[in-house]
PDB file of all heavy atoms in Angstrom:
ATOM      1  N   PHE A   1       3.564  -7.415  -1.004  1.00  0.00           N
ATOM      2  CA  PHE A   1       4.286  -8.177  -2.023  1.00  0.00           C
ATOM      3  C   PHE A   1       3.435  -8.242  -3.290  1.00  0.00           C
ATOM      4  O   PHE A   1       2.304  -8.738  -3.267  1.00  0.00           O
ATOM      5  CB  PHE A   1       4.634  -9.565  -1.496  1.00  0.00           C
ATOM      6  CG  PHE A   1       5.609  -9.506  -0.350  1.00  0.00           C
ATOM      7  CD1 PHE A   1       5.146  -9.502   0.952  1.00  0.00           C
ATOM      8  CD2 PHE A   1       6.974  -9.416  -0.583  1.00  0.00           C
ATOM      9  CE1 PHE A   1       6.034  -9.431   2.023  1.00  0.00           C
ATOM     10  CE2 PHE A   1       7.863  -9.332   0.478  1.00  0.00           C
ATOM     11  CZ  PHE A   1       7.396  -9.336   1.768  1.00  0.00           C
ATOM     12  N   VAL A   2       3.986  -7.688  -4.373  1.00  0.00           N
ATOM     13  CA  VAL A   2       3.234  -7.533  -5.626  1.00  0.00           C
ATOM     14  C   VAL A   2       4.053  -8.093  -6.781  1.00  0.00           C
ATOM     15  O   VAL A   2       5.249  -8.392  -6.635  1.00  0.00           O
ATOM     16  CB  VAL A   2       2.912  -6.048  -5.873  1.00  0.00           C
ATOM     17  CG1 VAL A   2       2.081  -5.475  -4.731  1.00  0.00           C
ATOM     18  CG2 VAL A   2       4.188  -5.233  -6.056  1.00  0.00           C
ATOM     19  N   ASN A   3       3.412  -8.217  -7.960  1.00  0.00           N
ATOM     20  CA  ASN A   3       4.150  -8.750  -9.104  1.00  0.00           C
ATOM     21  C   ASN A   3       5.153  -7.734  -9.650  1.00  0.00           C
ATOM     22  O   ASN A   3       6.252  -8.086 -10.062  1.00  0.00           O
ATOM     23  CB  ASN A   3       3.182  -9.206 -10.204  1.00  0.00           C
ATOM     24  CG  ASN A   3       2.256  -8.081 -10.673  1.00  0.00           C
ATOM     25  OD1 ASN A   3       2.119  -7.058 -10.024  1.00  0.00           O
ATOM     26  ND2 ASN A   3       1.606  -8.305 -11.811  1.00  0.00           N
ATOM     27  N   ASP A   4       4.784  -6.448  -9.640  1.00  0.00           N
ATOM     28  CA  ASP A   4       5.702  -5.415 -10.122  1.00  0.00           C
ATOM     29  C   ASP A   4       5.299  -4.090  -9.476  1.00  0.00           C
ATOM     30  O   ASP A   4       4.237  -3.534  -9.797  1.00  0.00           O
ATOM     31  CB  ASP A   4       5.642  -5.303 -11.650  1.00  0.00           C
ATOM     32  CG  ASP A   4       6.692  -4.347 -12.212  1.00  0.00           C
ATOM     33  OD1 ASP A   4       7.372  -3.664 -11.413  1.00  0.00           O
ATOM     34  OD2 ASP A   4       6.839  -4.282 -13.446  1.00  0.00           O
ATOM     35  N   ALA A   5       6.122  -3.599  -8.587  1.00  0.00           N
ATOM     36  CA  ALA A   5       5.796  -2.379  -7.843  1.00  0.00           C
ATOM     37  C   ALA A   5       5.595  -1.181  -8.760  1.00  0.00           C
ATOM     38  O   ALA A   5       4.838  -0.258  -8.442  1.00  0.00           O
ATOM     39  CB  ALA A   5       6.903  -2.083  -6.826  1.00  0.00           C
ATOM     40  N   LYS A   6       6.236  -1.195  -9.935  1.00  0.00           N
ATOM     41  CA  LYS A   6       6.139  -0.057 -10.852  1.00  0.00           C
ATOM     42  C   LYS A   6       4.742   0.084 -11.457  1.00  0.00           C
ATOM     43  O   LYS A   6       4.400   1.125 -12.020  1.00  0.00           O
ATOM     44  CB  LYS A   6       7.168  -0.198 -11.968  1.00  0.00           C
ATOM     45  CG  LYS A   6       8.608  -0.094 -11.471  1.00  0.00           C
ATOM     46  CD  LYS A   6       9.589  -0.285 -12.621  1.00  0.00           C
ATOM     47  CE  LYS A   6      11.034  -0.223 -12.111  1.00  0.00           C
ATOM     48  NZ  LYS A   6      12.003  -0.452 -13.219  1.00  0.00           N
ATOM     49  N   ARG A   7       3.940  -0.960 -11.385  1.00  0.00           N
ATOM     50  CA  ARG A   7       2.596  -0.922 -11.961  1.00  0.00           C
ATOM     51  C   ARG A   7       1.573  -0.244 -11.040  1.00  0.00           C
ATOM     52  O   ARG A   7       0.415  -0.077 -11.410  1.00  0.00           O
ATOM     53  CB  ARG A   7       2.130  -2.338 -12.298  1.00  0.00           C
ATOM     54  CG  ARG A   7       2.958  -2.994 -13.379  1.00  0.00           C
ATOM     55  CD  ARG A   7       2.475  -4.397 -13.676  1.00  0.00           C
ATOM     56  NE  ARG A   7       3.420  -5.087 -14.575  1.00  0.00           N
ATOM     57  CZ  ARG A   7       3.347  -6.373 -14.871  1.00  0.00           C
ATOM     58  NH1 ARG A   7       2.385  -7.120 -14.337  1.00  0.00           N
ATOM     59  NH2 ARG A   7       4.239  -6.931 -15.676  1.00  0.00           N
ATOM     60  N   PHE A   8       2.024   0.132  -9.838  1.00  0.00           N
ATOM     61  CA  PHE A   8       1.108   0.750  -8.882  1.00  0.00           C
ATOM     62  C   PHE A   8       1.452   2.239  -8.764  1.00  0.00           C
ATOM     63  O   PHE A   8       2.481   2.609  -8.175  1.00  0.00           O
ATOM     64  CB  PHE A   8       1.212   0.060  -7.515  1.00  0.00           C
ATOM     65  CG  PHE A   8       0.754  -1.368  -7.544  1.00  0.00           C
ATOM     66  CD1 PHE A   8       1.629  -2.383  -7.929  1.00  0.00           C
ATOM     67  CD2 PHE A   8      -0.553  -1.694  -7.225  1.00  0.00           C
ATOM     68  CE1 PHE A   8       1.209  -3.705  -7.972  1.00  0.00           C
ATOM     69  CE2 PHE A   8      -0.979  -3.012  -7.259  1.00  0.00           C
ATOM     70  CZ  PHE A   8      -0.107  -4.020  -7.635  1.00  0.00           C
ATOM     71  N   ASN A   9       0.596   3.084  -9.368  1.00  0.00           N
ATOM     72  CA  ASN A   9       0.869   4.517  -9.346  1.00  0.00           C
ATOM     73  C   ASN A   9       0.531   5.120  -7.985  1.00  0.00           C
ATOM     74  O   ASN A   9      -0.024   4.455  -7.096  1.00  0.00           O
ATOM     75  CB  ASN A   9       0.097   5.227 -10.465  1.00  0.00           C
ATOM     76  CG  ASN A   9      -1.405   4.961 -10.383  1.00  0.00           C
ATOM     77  OD1 ASN A   9      -1.979   4.848  -9.303  1.00  0.00           O
ATOM     78  ND2 ASN A   9      -2.054   4.864 -11.550  1.00  0.00           N
ATOM     79  N   GLU A  10       0.841   6.414  -7.820  1.00  0.00           N
ATOM     80  CA  GLU A  10       0.646   7.086  -6.532  1.00  0.00           C
ATOM     81  C   GLU A  10      -0.821   7.107  -6.130  1.00  0.00           C
ATOM     82  O   GLU A  10      -1.143   6.982  -4.943  1.00  0.00           O
ATOM     83  CB  GLU A  10       1.202   8.513  -6.587  1.00  0.00           C
ATOM     84  CG  GLU A  10       2.711   8.601  -6.469  1.00  0.00           C
ATOM     85  CD  GLU A  10       3.221   7.959  -5.186  1.00  0.00           C
ATOM     86  OE1 GLU A  10       2.662   8.260  -4.108  1.00  0.00           O
ATOM     87  OE2 GLU A  10       4.157   7.144  -5.254  1.00  0.00           O
ATOM     88  N   ASN A  11      -1.711   7.293  -7.081  1.00  0.00           N
ATOM     89  CA  ASN A  11      -3.137   7.338  -6.752  1.00  0.00           C
ATOM     90  C   ASN A  11      -3.602   6.027  -6.123  1.00  0.00           C
ATOM     91  O   ASN A  11      -4.340   6.017  -5.131  1.00  0.00           O
ATOM     92  CB  ASN A  11      -3.968   7.625  -8.010  1.00  0.00           C
ATOM     93  CG  ASN A  11      -3.866   9.075  -8.439  1.00  0.00           C
ATOM     94  OD1 ASN A  11      -3.537   9.936  -7.629  1.00  0.00           O
ATOM     95  ND2 ASN A  11      -4.156   9.342  -9.707  1.00  0.00           N
ATOM     96  N   TYR A  12      -3.155   4.900  -6.699  1.00  0.00           N
ATOM     97  CA  TYR A  12      -3.585   3.610  -6.162  1.00  0.00           C
ATOM     98  C   TYR A  12      -2.920   3.341  -4.801  1.00  0.00           C
ATOM     99  O   TYR A  12      -3.552   2.783  -3.900  1.00  0.00           O
ATOM    100  CB  TYR A  12      -3.264   2.464  -7.125  1.00  0.00           C
ATOM    101  CG  TYR A  12      -4.039   1.205  -6.791  1.00  0.00           C
ATOM    102  CD1 TYR A  12      -5.352   1.063  -7.208  1.00  0.00           C
ATOM    103  CD2 TYR A  12      -3.475   0.198  -6.019  1.00  0.00           C
ATOM    104  CE1 TYR A  12      -6.094  -0.075  -6.888  1.00  0.00           C
ATOM    105  CE2 TYR A  12      -4.201  -0.936  -5.683  1.00  0.00           C
ATOM    106  CZ  TYR A  12      -5.513  -1.065  -6.115  1.00  0.00           C
ATOM    107  OH  TYR A  12      -6.248  -2.181  -5.771  1.00  0.00           O
ATOM    108  N   ARG A  13      -1.693   3.776  -4.655  1.00  0.00           N
ATOM    109  CA  ARG A  13      -1.008   3.585  -3.367  1.00  0.00           C
ATOM    110  C   ARG A  13      -1.710   4.376  -2.266  1.00  0.00           C
ATOM    111  O   ARG A  13      -1.868   3.894  -1.138  1.00  0.00           O
ATOM    112  CB  ARG A  13       0.461   4.001  -3.491  1.00  0.00           C
ATOM    113  CG  ARG A  13       1.250   3.078  -4.409  1.00  0.00           C
ATOM    114  CD  ARG A  13       2.725   3.420  -4.437  1.00  0.00           C
ATOM    115  NE  ARG A  13       3.445   2.547  -5.380  1.00  0.00           N
ATOM    116  CZ  ARG A  13       4.730   2.288  -5.305  1.00  0.00           C
ATOM    117  NH1 ARG A  13       5.483   2.839  -4.370  1.00  0.00           N
ATOM    118  NH2 ARG A  13       5.304   1.482  -6.188  1.00  0.00           N
ATOM    119  N   ARG A  14      -2.132   5.604  -2.602  1.00  0.00           N
ATOM    120  CA  ARG A  14      -2.860   6.404  -1.613  1.00  0.00           C
ATOM    121  C   ARG A  14      -4.220   5.768  -1.306  1.00  0.00           C
ATOM    122  O   ARG A  14      -4.688   5.807  -0.158  1.00  0.00           O
ATOM    123  CB  ARG A  14      -3.042   7.835  -2.122  1.00  0.00           C
ATOM    124  CG  ARG A  14      -1.779   8.684  -2.010  1.00  0.00           C
ATOM    125  CD  ARG A  14      -2.101  10.164  -2.155  1.00  0.00           C
ATOM    126  NE  ARG A  14      -2.552  10.478  -3.500  1.00  0.00           N
ATOM    127  CZ  ARG A  14      -1.752  10.866  -4.484  1.00  0.00           C
ATOM    128  NH1 ARG A  14      -0.446  10.992  -4.267  1.00  0.00           N
ATOM    129  NH2 ARG A  14      -2.238  11.144  -5.686  1.00  0.00           N
ATOM    130  N   TYR A  15      -4.840   5.191  -2.341  1.00  0.00           N
ATOM    131  CA  TYR A  15      -6.119   4.505  -2.124  1.00  0.00           C
ATOM    132  C   TYR A  15      -5.961   3.354  -1.132  1.00  0.00           C
ATOM    133  O   TYR A  15      -6.770   3.201  -0.208  1.00  0.00           O
ATOM    134  CB  TYR A  15      -6.654   3.978  -3.463  1.00  0.00           C
ATOM    135  CG  TYR A  15      -7.718   2.913  -3.331  1.00  0.00           C
ATOM    136  CD1 TYR A  15      -9.006   3.249  -2.916  1.00  0.00           C
ATOM    137  CD2 TYR A  15      -7.427   1.570  -3.598  1.00  0.00           C
ATOM    138  CE1 TYR A  15      -9.985   2.266  -2.785  1.00  0.00           C
ATOM    139  CE2 TYR A  15      -8.397   0.588  -3.469  1.00  0.00           C
ATOM    140  CZ  TYR A  15      -9.675   0.948  -3.051  1.00  0.00           C
ATOM    141  OH  TYR A  15     -10.642  -0.027  -2.906  1.00  0.00           O
ATOM    142  N   VAL A  16      -4.923   2.539  -1.295  1.00  0.00           N
ATOM    143  CA  VAL A  16      -4.692   1.408  -0.387  1.00  0.00           C
ATOM    144  C   VAL A  16      -4.436   1.918   1.034  1.00  0.00           C
ATOM    145  O   VAL A  16      -4.956   1.359   2.010  1.00  0.00           O
ATOM    146  CB  VAL A  16      -3.524   0.533  -0.888  1.00  0.00           C
ATOM    147  CG1 VAL A  16      -3.153  -0.513   0.156  1.00  0.00           C
ATOM    148  CG2 VAL A  16      -3.893  -0.134  -2.209  1.00  0.00           C
ATOM    149  N   GLU A  17      -3.658   2.990   1.158  1.00  0.00           N
ATOM    150  CA  GLU A  17      -3.397   3.546   2.495  1.00  0.00           C
ATOM    151  C   GLU A  17      -4.691   4.017   3.140  1.00  0.00           C
ATOM    152  O   GLU A  17      -4.918   3.800   4.342  1.00  0.00           O
ATOM    153  CB  GLU A  17      -2.395   4.704   2.410  1.00  0.00           C
ATOM    154  CG  GLU A  17      -2.078   5.298   3.787  1.00  0.00           C
ATOM    155  CD  GLU A  17      -1.037   6.400   3.736  1.00  0.00           C
ATOM    156  OE1 GLU A  17      -0.302   6.487   2.728  1.00  0.00           O
ATOM    157  OE2 GLU A  17      -0.962   7.181   4.701  1.00  0.00           O
ATOM    158  N   ARG A  18      -5.558   4.688   2.359  1.00  0.00           N
ATOM    159  CA  ARG A  18      -6.841   5.144   2.905  1.00  0.00           C
ATOM    160  C   ARG A  18      -7.680   3.964   3.397  1.00  0.00           C
ATOM    161  O   ARG A  18      -8.354   4.054   4.436  1.00  0.00           O
ATOM    162  CB  ARG A  18      -7.620   5.934   1.846  1.00  0.00           C
ATOM    163  CG  ARG A  18      -7.112   7.339   1.619  1.00  0.00           C
ATOM    164  CD  ARG A  18      -8.166   8.188   0.883  1.00  0.00           C
ATOM    165  NE  ARG A  18      -8.569   7.597  -0.389  1.00  0.00           N
ATOM    166  CZ  ARG A  18      -7.946   7.800  -1.539  1.00  0.00           C
ATOM    167  NH1 ARG A  18      -6.879   8.609  -1.581  1.00  0.00           N
ATOM    168  NH2 ARG A  18      -8.369   7.244  -2.662  1.00  0.00           N
ATOM    169  N   GLN A  19      -7.635   2.850   2.663  1.00  0.00           N
ATOM    170  CA  GLN A  19      -8.387   1.658   3.083  1.00  0.00           C
ATOM    171  C   GLN A  19      -7.892   1.124   4.419  1.00  0.00           C
ATOM    172  O   GLN A  19      -8.693   0.754   5.285  1.00  0.00           O
ATOM    173  CB  GLN A  19      -8.288   0.568   2.008  1.00  0.00           C
ATOM    174  CG  GLN A  19      -8.992   0.908   0.705  1.00  0.00           C
ATOM    175  CD  GLN A  19     -10.461   1.197   0.907  1.00  0.00           C
ATOM    176  OE1 GLN A  19     -11.211   0.382   1.454  1.00  0.00           O
ATOM    177  NE2 GLN A  19     -10.896   2.387   0.497  1.00  0.00           N
ATOM    178  N   PHE A  20      -6.574   1.122   4.599  1.00  0.00           N
ATOM    179  CA  PHE A  20      -6.020   0.679   5.894  1.00  0.00           C
ATOM    180  C   PHE A  20      -6.475   1.606   7.016  1.00  0.00           C
ATOM    181  O   PHE A  20      -6.839   1.146   8.107  1.00  0.00           O
ATOM    182  CB  PHE A  20      -4.486   0.629   5.832  1.00  0.00           C
ATOM    183  CG  PHE A  20      -3.943  -0.621   5.203  1.00  0.00           C
ATOM    184  CD1 PHE A  20      -3.127  -0.562   4.088  1.00  0.00           C
ATOM    185  CD2 PHE A  20      -4.244  -1.870   5.736  1.00  0.00           C
ATOM    186  CE1 PHE A  20      -2.622  -1.713   3.499  1.00  0.00           C
ATOM    187  CE2 PHE A  20      -3.750  -3.029   5.164  1.00  0.00           C
ATOM    188  CZ  PHE A  20      -2.935  -2.952   4.038  1.00  0.00           C
ATOM    189  N   ARG A  21      -6.464   2.910   6.755  1.00  0.00           N
ATOM    190  CA  ARG A  21      -6.867   3.867   7.799  1.00  0.00           C
ATOM    191  C   ARG A  21      -8.358   3.746   8.111  1.00  0.00           C
ATOM    192  O   ARG A  21      -8.759   3.787   9.286  1.00  0.00           O
ATOM    193  CB  ARG A  21      -6.531   5.286   7.370  1.00  0.00           C
ATOM    194  CG  ARG A  21      -5.047   5.579   7.402  1.00  0.00           C
ATOM    195  CD  ARG A  21      -4.763   7.063   7.488  1.00  0.00           C
ATOM    196  NE  ARG A  21      -3.332   7.282   7.631  1.00  0.00           N
ATOM    197  CZ  ARG A  21      -2.672   7.198   8.769  1.00  0.00           C
ATOM    198  NH1 ARG A  21      -3.327   6.906   9.888  1.00  0.00           N
ATOM    199  NH2 ARG A  21      -1.375   7.408   8.823  1.00  0.00           N
ATOM    200  N   GLN A  22      -9.173   3.603   7.083  1.00  0.00           N
ATOM    201  CA  GLN A  22     -10.613   3.527   7.312  1.00  0.00           C
ATOM    202  C   GLN A  22     -11.004   2.270   8.077  1.00  0.00           C
ATOM    203  O   GLN A  22     -11.904   2.299   8.914  1.00  0.00           O
ATOM    204  CB  GLN A  22     -11.354   3.565   5.966  1.00  0.00           C
ATOM    205  CG  GLN A  22     -11.318   4.931   5.285  1.00  0.00           C
ATOM    206  CD  GLN A  22     -11.891   4.891   3.883  1.00  0.00           C
ATOM    207  OE1 GLN A  22     -12.462   3.888   3.444  1.00  0.00           O
ATOM    208  NE2 GLN A  22     -11.727   5.992   3.142  1.00  0.00           N
ATOM    209  N   GLN A  23     -10.318   1.170   7.807  1.00  0.00           N
ATOM    210  CA  GLN A  23     -10.708  -0.093   8.421  1.00  0.00           C
ATOM    211  C   GLN A  23      -9.914  -0.446   9.678  1.00  0.00           C
ATOM    212  O   GLN A  23     -10.409  -1.203  10.514  1.00  0.00           O
ATOM    213  CB  GLN A  23     -10.587  -1.225   7.390  1.00  0.00           C
ATOM    214  CG  GLN A  23     -11.502  -1.018   6.183  1.00  0.00           C
ATOM    215  CD  GLN A  23     -11.651  -2.272   5.349  1.00  0.00           C
ATOM    216  OE1 GLN A  23     -11.812  -3.364   5.880  1.00  0.00           O
ATOM    217  NE2 GLN A  23     -11.595  -2.117   4.014  1.00  0.00           N
ATOM    218  N   LEU A  24      -8.696   0.100   9.797  1.00  0.00           N
ATOM    219  CA  LEU A  24      -7.854  -0.272  10.939  1.00  0.00           C
ATOM    220  C   LEU A  24      -7.559   0.894  11.876  1.00  0.00           C
ATOM    221  O   LEU A  24      -7.026   0.692  12.955  1.00  0.00           O
ATOM    222  CB  LEU A  24      -6.535  -0.875  10.437  1.00  0.00           C
ATOM    223  CG  LEU A  24      -6.660  -2.134   9.570  1.00  0.00           C
ATOM    224  CD1 LEU A  24      -5.285  -2.608   9.132  1.00  0.00           C
ATOM    225  CD2 LEU A  24      -7.389  -3.234  10.322  1.00  0.00           C
ATOM    226  N   GLY A  25      -7.854   2.115  11.434  1.00  0.00           N
ATOM    227  CA  GLY A  25      -7.645   3.262  12.323  1.00  0.00           C
ATOM    228  C   GLY A  25      -6.279   3.885  12.179  1.00  0.00           C
ATOM    229  O   GLY A  25      -6.017   4.621  11.246  1.00  0.00           O
ATOM    230  N   PHE A  26      -5.380   3.627  13.146  1.00  0.00           N
ATOM    231  CA  PHE A  26      -4.050   4.248  13.204  1.00  0.00           C
ATOM    232  C   PHE A  26      -4.156   5.763  13.353  1.00  0.00           C
ATOM    233  O   PHE A  26      -3.357   6.516  12.793  1.00  0.00           O
ATOM    234  CB  PHE A  26      -3.209   3.905  11.964  1.00  0.00           C
ATOM    235  CG  PHE A  26      -2.846   2.458  11.858  1.00  0.00           C
ATOM    236  CD1 PHE A  26      -3.352   1.674  10.837  1.00  0.00           C
ATOM    237  CD2 PHE A  26      -2.000   1.872  12.794  1.00  0.00           C
ATOM    238  CE1 PHE A  26      -3.007   0.336  10.736  1.00  0.00           C
ATOM    239  CE2 PHE A  26      -1.655   0.526  12.700  1.00  0.00           C
ATOM    240  CZ  PHE A  26      -2.166  -0.240  11.670  1.00  0.00           C
ATOM    241  N   LYS A  27      -5.157   6.238  14.122  1.00  0.00           N
ATOM    242  CA  LYS A  27      -5.346   7.663  14.323  1.00  0.00           C
ATOM    243  C   LYS A  27      -4.148   8.264  15.054  1.00  0.00           C
ATOM    244  O   LYS A  27      -3.704   7.751  16.073  1.00  0.00           O
ATOM    245  CB  LYS A  27      -6.615   7.905  15.151  1.00  0.00           C
ATOM    246  CG  LYS A  27      -7.030   9.357  15.267  1.00  0.00           C
ATOM    247  CD  LYS A  27      -7.463   9.934  13.941  1.00  0.00           C
ATOM    248  CE  LYS A  27      -8.039  11.331  14.095  1.00  0.00           C
ATOM    249  NZ  LYS A  27      -8.338  11.967  12.801  1.00  0.00           N
ATOM    250  N   GLY A  28      -3.630   9.343  14.511  1.00  0.00           N
ATOM    251  CA  GLY A  28      -2.516  10.049  15.146  1.00  0.00           C
ATOM    252  C   GLY A  28      -1.148   9.554  14.749  1.00  0.00           C
ATOM    253  O   GLY A  28      -0.142  10.116  15.159  1.00  0.00           O
ATOM    254  N   SER A  29      -1.088   8.473  13.964  1.00  0.00           N
ATOM    255  CA  SER A  29       0.209   7.900  13.574  1.00  0.00           C
ATOM    256  C   SER A  29       0.306   7.774  12.060  1.00  0.00           C
ATOM    257  O   SER A  29      -0.665   7.404  11.402  1.00  0.00           O
ATOM    258  CB  SER A  29       0.382   6.517  14.207  1.00  0.00           C
ATOM    259  OG  SER A  29       1.562   5.887  13.712  1.00  0.00           O
ATOM    260  N   PRO A  30       1.483   8.054  11.496  1.00  0.00           N
ATOM    261  CA  PRO A  30       1.675   7.746  10.079  1.00  0.00           C
ATOM    262  C   PRO A  30       1.779   6.239   9.902  1.00  0.00           C
ATOM    263  O   PRO A  30       2.080   5.510  10.855  1.00  0.00           O
ATOM    264  CB  PRO A  30       3.003   8.427   9.740  1.00  0.00           C
ATOM    265  CG  PRO A  30       3.751   8.422  11.037  1.00  0.00           C
ATOM    266  CD  PRO A  30       2.717   8.578  12.119  1.00  0.00           C
ATOM    267  N   ILE A  31       1.493   5.761   8.707  1.00  0.00           N
ATOM    268  CA  ILE A  31       1.772   4.363   8.388  1.00  0.00           C
ATOM    269  C   ILE A  31       2.604   4.341   7.109  1.00  0.00           C
ATOM    270  O   ILE A  31       2.486   5.234   6.266  1.00  0.00           O
ATOM    271  CB  ILE A  31       0.493   3.519   8.229  1.00  0.00           C
ATOM    272  CG1 ILE A  31      -0.390   4.060   7.103  1.00  0.00           C
ATOM    273  CG2 ILE A  31      -0.275   3.437   9.525  1.00  0.00           C
ATOM    274  CD1 ILE A  31      -1.614   3.195   6.829  1.00  0.00           C
ATOM    275  N   ARG A  32       3.455   3.346   6.997  1.00  0.00           N
ATOM    276  CA  ARG A  32       4.309   3.213   5.825  1.00  0.00           C
ATOM    277  C   ARG A  32       3.972   1.929   5.081  1.00  0.00           C
ATOM    278  O   ARG A  32       3.843   0.871   5.704  1.00  0.00           O
ATOM    279  CB  ARG A  32       5.787   3.215   6.237  1.00  0.00           C
ATOM    280  CG  ARG A  32       6.281   4.584   6.683  1.00  0.00           C
ATOM    281  CD  ARG A  32       7.719   4.548   7.141  1.00  0.00           C
ATOM    282  NE  ARG A  32       8.199   5.883   7.459  1.00  0.00           N
ATOM    283  CZ  ARG A  32       9.331   6.142   8.102  1.00  0.00           C
ATOM    284  NH1 ARG A  32      10.106   5.136   8.494  1.00  0.00           N
ATOM    285  NH2 ARG A  32       9.695   7.385   8.346  1.00  0.00           N
ATOM    286  N   LEU A  33       3.845   2.053   3.771  1.00  0.00           N
ATOM    287  CA  LEU A  33       3.615   0.893   2.928  1.00  0.00           C
ATOM    288  C   LEU A  33       4.847   0.648   2.074  1.00  0.00           C
ATOM    289  O   LEU A  33       5.319   1.558   1.375  1.00  0.00           O
ATOM    290  CB  LEU A  33       2.390   1.116   2.030  1.00  0.00           C
ATOM    291  CG  LEU A  33       1.061   1.410   2.737  1.00  0.00           C
ATOM    292  CD1 LEU A  33      -0.063   1.538   1.716  1.00  0.00           C
ATOM    293  CD2 LEU A  33       0.731   0.325   3.755  1.00  0.00           C
ATOM    294  N   LEU A  34       5.384  -0.549   2.156  1.00  0.00           N
ATOM    295  CA  LEU A  34       6.552  -0.926   1.360  1.00  0.00           C
ATOM    296  C   LEU A  34       6.086  -1.840   0.230  1.00  0.00           C
ATOM    297  O   LEU A  34       5.589  -2.942   0.482  1.00  0.00           O
ATOM    298  CB  LEU A  34       7.585  -1.655   2.244  1.00  0.00           C
ATOM    299  CG  LEU A  34       8.021  -0.935   3.521  1.00  0.00           C
ATOM    300  CD1 LEU A  34       8.989  -1.810   4.307  1.00  0.00           C
ATOM    301  CD2 LEU A  34       8.649   0.412   3.203  1.00  0.00           C
ATOM    302  N   TRP A  35       6.216  -1.382  -0.989  1.00  0.00           N
ATOM    303  CA  TRP A  35       5.769  -2.154  -2.156  1.00  0.00           C
ATOM    304  C   TRP A  35       6.939  -2.971  -2.684  1.00  0.00           C
ATOM    305  O   TRP A  35       7.916  -2.435  -3.171  1.00  0.00           O
ATOM    306  CB  TRP A  35       5.220  -1.213  -3.225  1.00  0.00           C
ATOM    307  CG  TRP A  35       4.006  -0.465  -2.745  1.00  0.00           C
ATOM    308  CD1 TRP A  35       3.977   0.617  -1.914  1.00  0.00           C
ATOM    309  CD2 TRP A  35       2.646  -0.779  -3.049  1.00  0.00           C
ATOM    310  NE1 TRP A  35       2.683   1.005  -1.677  1.00  0.00           N
ATOM    311  CE2 TRP A  35       1.838   0.172  -2.369  1.00  0.00           C
ATOM    312  CE3 TRP A  35       2.031  -1.751  -3.839  1.00  0.00           C
ATOM    313  CZ2 TRP A  35       0.445   0.163  -2.450  1.00  0.00           C
ATOM    314  CZ3 TRP A  35       0.637  -1.757  -3.922  1.00  0.00           C
ATOM    315  CH2 TRP A  35      -0.145  -0.810  -3.233  1.00  0.00           C
ATOM    316  N   ARG A  36       6.834  -4.292  -2.580  1.00  0.00           N
ATOM    317  CA  ARG A  36       7.939  -5.194  -2.914  1.00  0.00           C
ATOM    318  C   ARG A  36       7.580  -6.071  -4.121  1.00  0.00           C
ATOM    319  O   ARG A  36       6.574  -6.791  -4.097  1.00  0.00           O
ATOM    320  CB  ARG A  36       8.274  -6.088  -1.712  1.00  0.00           C
ATOM    321  CG  ARG A  36       8.713  -5.331  -0.472  1.00  0.00           C
ATOM    322  CD  ARG A  36      10.077  -4.732  -0.684  1.00  0.00           C
ATOM    323  NE  ARG A  36      10.603  -4.123   0.514  1.00  0.00           N
ATOM    324  CZ  ARG A  36      10.946  -2.848   0.613  1.00  0.00           C
ATOM    325  NH1 ARG A  36      10.787  -2.029  -0.427  1.00  0.00           N
ATOM    326  NH2 ARG A  36      11.445  -2.362   1.735  1.00  0.00           N
ATOM    327  N   SER A  37       8.389  -6.003  -5.139  1.00  0.00           N
ATOM    328  CA  SER A  37       8.169  -6.831  -6.337  1.00  0.00           C
ATOM    329  C   SER A  37       8.630  -8.262  -6.070  1.00  0.00           C
ATOM    330  O   SER A  37       9.740  -8.481  -5.586  1.00  0.00           O
ATOM    331  CB  SER A  37       8.947  -6.267  -7.530  1.00  0.00           C
ATOM    332  OG  SER A  37       8.531  -4.946  -7.815  1.00  0.00           O
ATOM    333  N   LYS A  38       7.752  -9.225  -6.368  1.00  0.00           N
ATOM    334  CA  LYS A  38       8.095 -10.636  -6.204  1.00  0.00           C
ATOM    335  C   LYS A  38       7.470 -11.443  -7.325  1.00  0.00           C
ATOM    336  O   LYS A  38       6.327 -11.178  -7.732  1.00  0.00           O
ATOM    337  CB  LYS A  38       7.588 -11.176  -4.852  1.00  0.00           C
ATOM    338  CG  LYS A  38       8.533 -10.898  -3.705  1.00  0.00           C
ATOM    339  CD  LYS A  38       9.803 -11.711  -3.816  1.00  0.00           C
ATOM    340  CE  LYS A  38      10.747 -11.393  -2.668  1.00  0.00           C
ATOM    341  NZ  LYS A  38      12.021 -12.140  -2.811  1.00  0.00           N
ATOM    342  N   LYS A  39       8.189 -12.426  -7.818  1.00  0.00           N
ATOM    343  CA  LYS A  39       7.634 -13.290  -8.865  1.00  0.00           C
ATOM    344  C   LYS A  39       6.625 -14.263  -8.265  1.00  0.00           C
ATOM    345  O   LYS A  39       6.723 -14.645  -7.107  1.00  0.00           O
ATOM    346  CB  LYS A  39       8.756 -14.066  -9.555  1.00  0.00           C
ATOM    347  CG  LYS A  39       9.729 -13.160 -10.313  1.00  0.00           C
ATOM    348  CD  LYS A  39      10.839 -13.975 -10.951  1.00  0.00           C
ATOM    349  CE  LYS A  39      11.812 -13.067 -11.702  1.00  0.00           C
ATOM    350  NZ  LYS A  39      12.922 -13.826 -12.319  1.00  0.00           N
ATOM    351  N   VAL A  40       5.689 -14.709  -9.107  1.00  0.00           N
ATOM    352  CA  VAL A  40       4.631 -15.605  -8.635  1.00  0.00           C
ATOM    353  C   VAL A  40       5.198 -16.880  -8.041  1.00  0.00           C
ATOM    354  O   VAL A  40       4.759 -17.365  -7.004  1.00  0.00           O
ATOM    355  CB  VAL A  40       3.667 -15.945  -9.791  1.00  0.00           C
ATOM    356  CG1 VAL A  40       2.598 -16.925  -9.308  1.00  0.00           C
ATOM    357  CG2 VAL A  40       3.008 -14.687 -10.318  1.00  0.00           C
ATOM    358  N   ARG A  41       6.219 -17.444  -8.683  1.00  0.00           N
ATOM    359  CA  ARG A  41       6.750 -18.726  -8.190  1.00  0.00           C
ATOM    360  C   ARG A  41       7.384 -18.584  -6.805  1.00  0.00           C
ATOM    361  O   ARG A  41       7.411 -19.545  -6.040  1.00  0.00           O
ATOM    362  CB  ARG A  41       7.762 -19.310  -9.181  1.00  0.00           C
ATOM    363  CG  ARG A  41       9.004 -18.487  -9.428  1.00  0.00           C
ATOM    364  CD  ARG A  41       9.990 -19.256 -10.309  1.00  0.00           C
ATOM    365  NE  ARG A  41      11.159 -18.458 -10.638  1.00  0.00           N
ATOM    366  CZ  ARG A  41      11.267 -17.686 -11.690  1.00  0.00           C
ATOM    367  NH1 ARG A  41      10.232 -17.574 -12.544  1.00  0.00           N
ATOM    368  NH2 ARG A  41      12.362 -16.997 -11.932  1.00  0.00           N
TER     369      ARG A  41
END
């Protein structure tokens, strides 16, 4: 859940996915990240 999903380019999205893989594993399985725009309030 983010302020505006459009502000996160492909490079940053791939970076976040790599962080999940490096720290949580998920070897042998794809993972999906859903970027959802939500207002602060």
